[in-house]
Amino acid sequence: MKLWTTLALCGVAVQLSLLAVDVSEARPQEAPFELPVQLIGFPVIIMAVRVSNFVKKLAYSLNPSTYRSRTRRGAIAGPEQDVPDLDPAAVEKRLVREMGESVCVYEHVCRDYAERARLLGARNHALDWPKLISNYNASPESRKQFYLLSVFLGDIVGSPNLCHQLAKRGRACK
């Protein structure tokens, strides 16, 4: 019942304001004080943006899936966690299929980058590009792609054991 009463009072207020507008149009008079629109509009817009940002951040922080996904992201291997061992036979098979029968891995390069990646962790490391480029240029022309393969295999997989196993399986560059 209160709702209907409130709606009726709002309707009456709108009607009265329309009548007041009609009366003021009939007698053009200057208002004693004129308020600039910007004085009201800009603060209202700024407050609306701040309130909407607050509501978005509050909804994000109260959403349980936000925290669930963070714990899943924590499952990514870091320096304190061991990288799951990959099957060297499967990795070798894939490398041969992608790069040909002559594929090889520089074990010391792969191992160095793998140990560096594990030491610094997934978030805090970056490649030493000047060193990488100079060693790339120093490697024989026919083996440059295998040098880069060794660098990125060590850096991305982060398993010195895999580098050693690939070399042991006869895929070491000479």
Protein backbone atom coordinates (compact mmCIF):
# COMPACT_ATOMS: atom_id res chain seq x y z
CA MET A 1 0.00 0.00 0.00
CA LYS A 2 2.90 2.33 0.77
CA LEU A 3 4.27 1.79 -2.72
CA TRP A 4 1.05 2.98 -4.35
CA THR A 5 0.95 6.04 -2.13
CA THR A 6 4.55 6.91 -3.00
CA LEU A 7 3.89 6.47 -6.71
CA ALA A 8 0.81 8.66 -6.51
CA LEU A 9 2.71 11.41 -4.69
CA CYS A 10 5.49 11.24 -7.30
CA GLY A 11 2.91 11.58 -10.07
CA VAL A 12 1.36 14.61 -8.39
CA ALA A 13 4.82 16.19 -7.95
CA VAL A 14 5.58 15.69 -11.66
CA GLN A 15 2.28 17.25 -12.64
CA LEU A 16 2.88 20.25 -10.39
CA SER A 17 6.37 20.75 -11.81
CA LEU A 18 4.92 20.70 -15.33
CA LEU A 19 2.37 23.32 -14.35
CA ALA A 20 5.12 25.45 -12.82
CA VAL A 21 7.10 25.23 -16.06
CA ASP A 22 4.05 26.29 -18.07
CA VAL A 23 3.41 29.24 -15.75
CA SER A 24 7.05 30.36 -15.92
CA GLU A 25 6.97 30.22 -19.70
CA ALA A 26 3.91 32.43 -19.73
CA ARG A 27 5.72 35.15 -17.76
CA PRO A 28 9.31 35.41 -18.89
CA GLN A 29 11.34 36.70 -15.99
CA GLU A 30 15.01 36.40 -15.23
CA ALA A 31 16.01 34.17 -12.36
CA PRO A 32 17.79 36.00 -9.57
CA PHE A 33 20.59 33.41 -9.60
CA GLU A 34 21.68 31.15 -12.45
CA LEU A 35 23.59 27.96 -11.64
CA PRO A 36 26.00 26.71 -14.33
CA VAL A 37 25.25 23.19 -15.52
CA GLN A 38 28.92 22.18 -15.19
CA LEU A 39 28.85 22.95 -11.49
CA ILE A 40 26.35 20.14 -10.98
CA GLY A 41 27.11 17.85 -13.95
CA PHE A 42 30.84 17.21 -13.56
CA PRO A 43 30.77 16.26 -9.88
CA VAL A 44 27.82 13.95 -10.56
CA ILE A 45 29.70 12.25 -13.40
CA ILE A 46 32.88 11.90 -11.32
CA MET A 47 30.98 10.42 -8.39
CA ALA A 48 29.12 8.01 -10.68
CA VAL A 49 32.42 6.74 -12.14
CA ARG A 50 33.97 6.33 -8.70
CA VAL A 51 30.94 4.50 -7.34
CA SER A 52 30.82 2.17 -10.35
CA ASN A 53 34.55 1.39 -10.03
CA PHE A 54 34.08 0.68 -6.34
CA VAL A 55 31.16 -1.64 -7.07
CA LYS A 56 33.17 -3.50 -9.74
CA LYS A 57 36.13 -3.98 -7.40
CA LEU A 58 33.86 -5.05 -4.56
CA ALA A 59 32.09 -7.59 -6.78
CA TYR A 60 35.45 -8.93 -7.98
CA SER A 61 36.78 -9.32 -4.45
CA LEU A 62 33.61 -10.97 -3.17
CA ASN A 63 33.42 -13.45 -6.06
CA PRO A 64 34.63 -16.88 -4.84
CA SER A 65 35.87 -17.91 -8.29
CA THR A 66 38.41 -15.08 -8.12
CA TYR A 67 40.28 -16.84 -5.36
CA ARG A 68 39.79 -20.29 -6.82
CA SER A 69 41.50 -19.29 -10.04
CA ARG A 70 44.40 -17.75 -8.12
CA THR A 71 45.09 -21.04 -6.39
CA ARG A 72 45.01 -22.78 -9.75
CA ARG A 73 47.52 -20.27 -11.06
CA GLY A 74 49.70 -21.14 -8.09
CA ALA A 75 50.06 -24.66 -9.50
CA ILE A 76 52.43 -23.35 -12.19
CA ALA A 77 55.95 -24.53 -11.48
CA GLY A 78 58.10 -22.03 -9.67
CA PRO A 79 61.62 -22.23 -8.28
CA GLU A 80 60.46 -24.14 -5.22
CA GLN A 81 58.46 -26.69 -7.22
CA ASP A 82 59.78 -29.45 -9.42
CA VAL A 83 59.01 -29.39 -13.12
CA PRO A 84 57.23 -32.59 -14.12
CA ASP A 85 59.56 -34.84 -16.07
CA LEU A 86 58.76 -35.12 -19.74
CA ASP A 87 59.27 -38.35 -21.60
CA PRO A 88 62.53 -37.86 -23.52
CA ALA A 89 61.48 -40.38 -26.16
CA ALA A 90 58.27 -38.46 -26.88
CA VAL A 91 60.13 -35.13 -26.97
CA GLU A 92 62.75 -36.58 -29.32
CA LYS A 93 60.06 -38.02 -31.57
CA ARG A 94 58.30 -34.67 -31.76
CA LEU A 95 61.54 -32.81 -32.48
CA VAL A 96 62.43 -35.22 -35.28
CA ARG A 97 58.96 -34.88 -36.76
CA GLU A 98 59.06 -31.06 -36.64
CA MET A 99 62.71 -30.34 -37.50
CA GLY A 100 63.95 -33.39 -39.37
CA GLU A 101 66.23 -36.34 -38.64
CA SER A 102 69.31 -34.14 -38.18
CA VAL A 103 67.90 -32.32 -35.13
CA CYS A 104 70.30 -31.92 -32.23
CA VAL A 105 70.46 -30.13 -28.89
CA TYR A 106 73.46 -28.33 -27.37
CA GLU A 107 73.35 -29.97 -23.95
CA HIS A 108 75.39 -27.34 -22.09
CA VAL A 109 73.34 -24.46 -23.55
CA CYS A 110 70.03 -26.18 -22.82
CA ARG A 111 71.15 -27.10 -19.29
CA ASP A 112 72.44 -23.59 -18.52
CA TYR A 113 69.19 -21.94 -19.57
CA ALA A 114 67.11 -24.58 -17.78
CA GLU A 115 69.01 -24.07 -14.52
CA ARG A 116 68.73 -20.30 -14.86
CA ALA A 117 64.98 -20.52 -15.49
CA ARG A 118 64.49 -22.76 -12.45
CA LEU A 119 66.65 -20.54 -10.25
CA LEU A 120 64.90 -17.28 -11.14
CA GLY A 121 61.38 -18.66 -11.41
CA ALA A 122 58.72 -18.23 -14.05
CA ARG A 123 57.91 -14.59 -13.27
CA ASN A 124 61.29 -13.03 -12.60
CA HIS A 125 63.55 -14.09 -15.42
CA ALA A 126 64.32 -12.67 -18.80
CA LEU A 127 66.71 -13.85 -21.45
CA ASP A 128 70.12 -12.23 -21.75
CA TRP A 129 69.55 -11.17 -25.36
CA PRO A 130 73.02 -9.73 -26.13
CA LYS A 131 74.68 -12.96 -24.96
CA LEU A 132 72.13 -15.06 -26.83
CA ILE A 133 72.63 -13.13 -30.10
CA SER A 134 76.44 -13.19 -29.88
CA ASN A 135 76.47 -16.96 -29.25
CA TYR A 136 73.94 -17.44 -32.03
CA ASN A 137 76.18 -15.54 -34.47
CA ALA A 138 79.22 -17.55 -33.32
CA SER A 139 77.56 -20.92 -33.94
CA PRO A 140 78.04 -22.63 -37.34
CA GLU A 141 75.55 -21.57 -40.02
CA SER A 142 74.01 -25.04 -40.35
CA ARG A 143 73.52 -25.31 -36.55
CA LYS A 144 72.06 -21.87 -35.70
CA GLN A 145 68.51 -23.15 -35.51
CA PHE A 146 69.62 -25.91 -33.14
CA TYR A 147 71.31 -23.36 -30.89
CA LEU A 148 68.02 -21.45 -30.61
CA LEU A 149 66.17 -24.74 -30.06
CA SER A 150 68.54 -25.52 -27.18
CA VAL A 151 68.07 -22.07 -25.64
CA PHE A 152 64.30 -22.09 -25.80
CA LEU A 153 63.96 -25.74 -24.83
CA GLY A 154 66.01 -25.08 -21.71
CA ASP A 155 64.31 -21.77 -20.93
CA ILE A 156 60.73 -22.86 -21.50
CA VAL A 157 60.78 -26.43 -20.21
CA GLY A 158 63.26 -25.67 -17.45
CA SER A 159 64.45 -29.25 -17.02
CA PRO A 160 68.20 -29.90 -17.07
CA ASN A 161 67.36 -33.60 -16.85
CA LEU A 162 65.50 -33.46 -20.17
CA CYS A 163 68.49 -31.76 -21.82
CA HIS A 164 70.79 -34.49 -20.52
CA GLN A 165 68.41 -37.28 -21.57
CA LEU A 166 68.11 -35.90 -25.11
CA ALA A 167 71.91 -35.73 -25.40
CA LYS A 168 72.18 -39.24 -24.00
CA ARG A 169 69.72 -40.50 -26.61
CA GLY A 170 72.11 -39.36 -29.34
CA ARG A 171 70.68 -35.91 -30.05
CA ALA A 172 73.67 -33.94 -28.76
CA CYS A 173 75.22 -31.44 -31.17
CA LYS A 174 78.91 -31.95 -31.72
